Amino acid sequence: MNSVKLTEKFEAALVYANRLHAEQRRKISGVPYMTHLMSVAALVLESGGSEEEAIAALLHDSIGAIR
């Protein structure tokens, strides 16, 4: 069981990622792109990852979204 505590840093990364990707959709399903980022962050946490690693998962596509 992963007992990592998610802090304001995680919340800020979640909000930032959502702002960057708000208009994006998954190509095949059409669901908001944020679902992918949240899924990756969940996999990291479920696998014993740290808050910092979960934040990296949320932001792993952010550089491509910055315009």
Foldseek 3Di string as FASTA:
>chain_A
DAPADADVVLVVLLVVLCVLQVPPADPPPRHGPQVQLQVQLVVCRVVRHYNVVSSCSNCVCRVVSDD
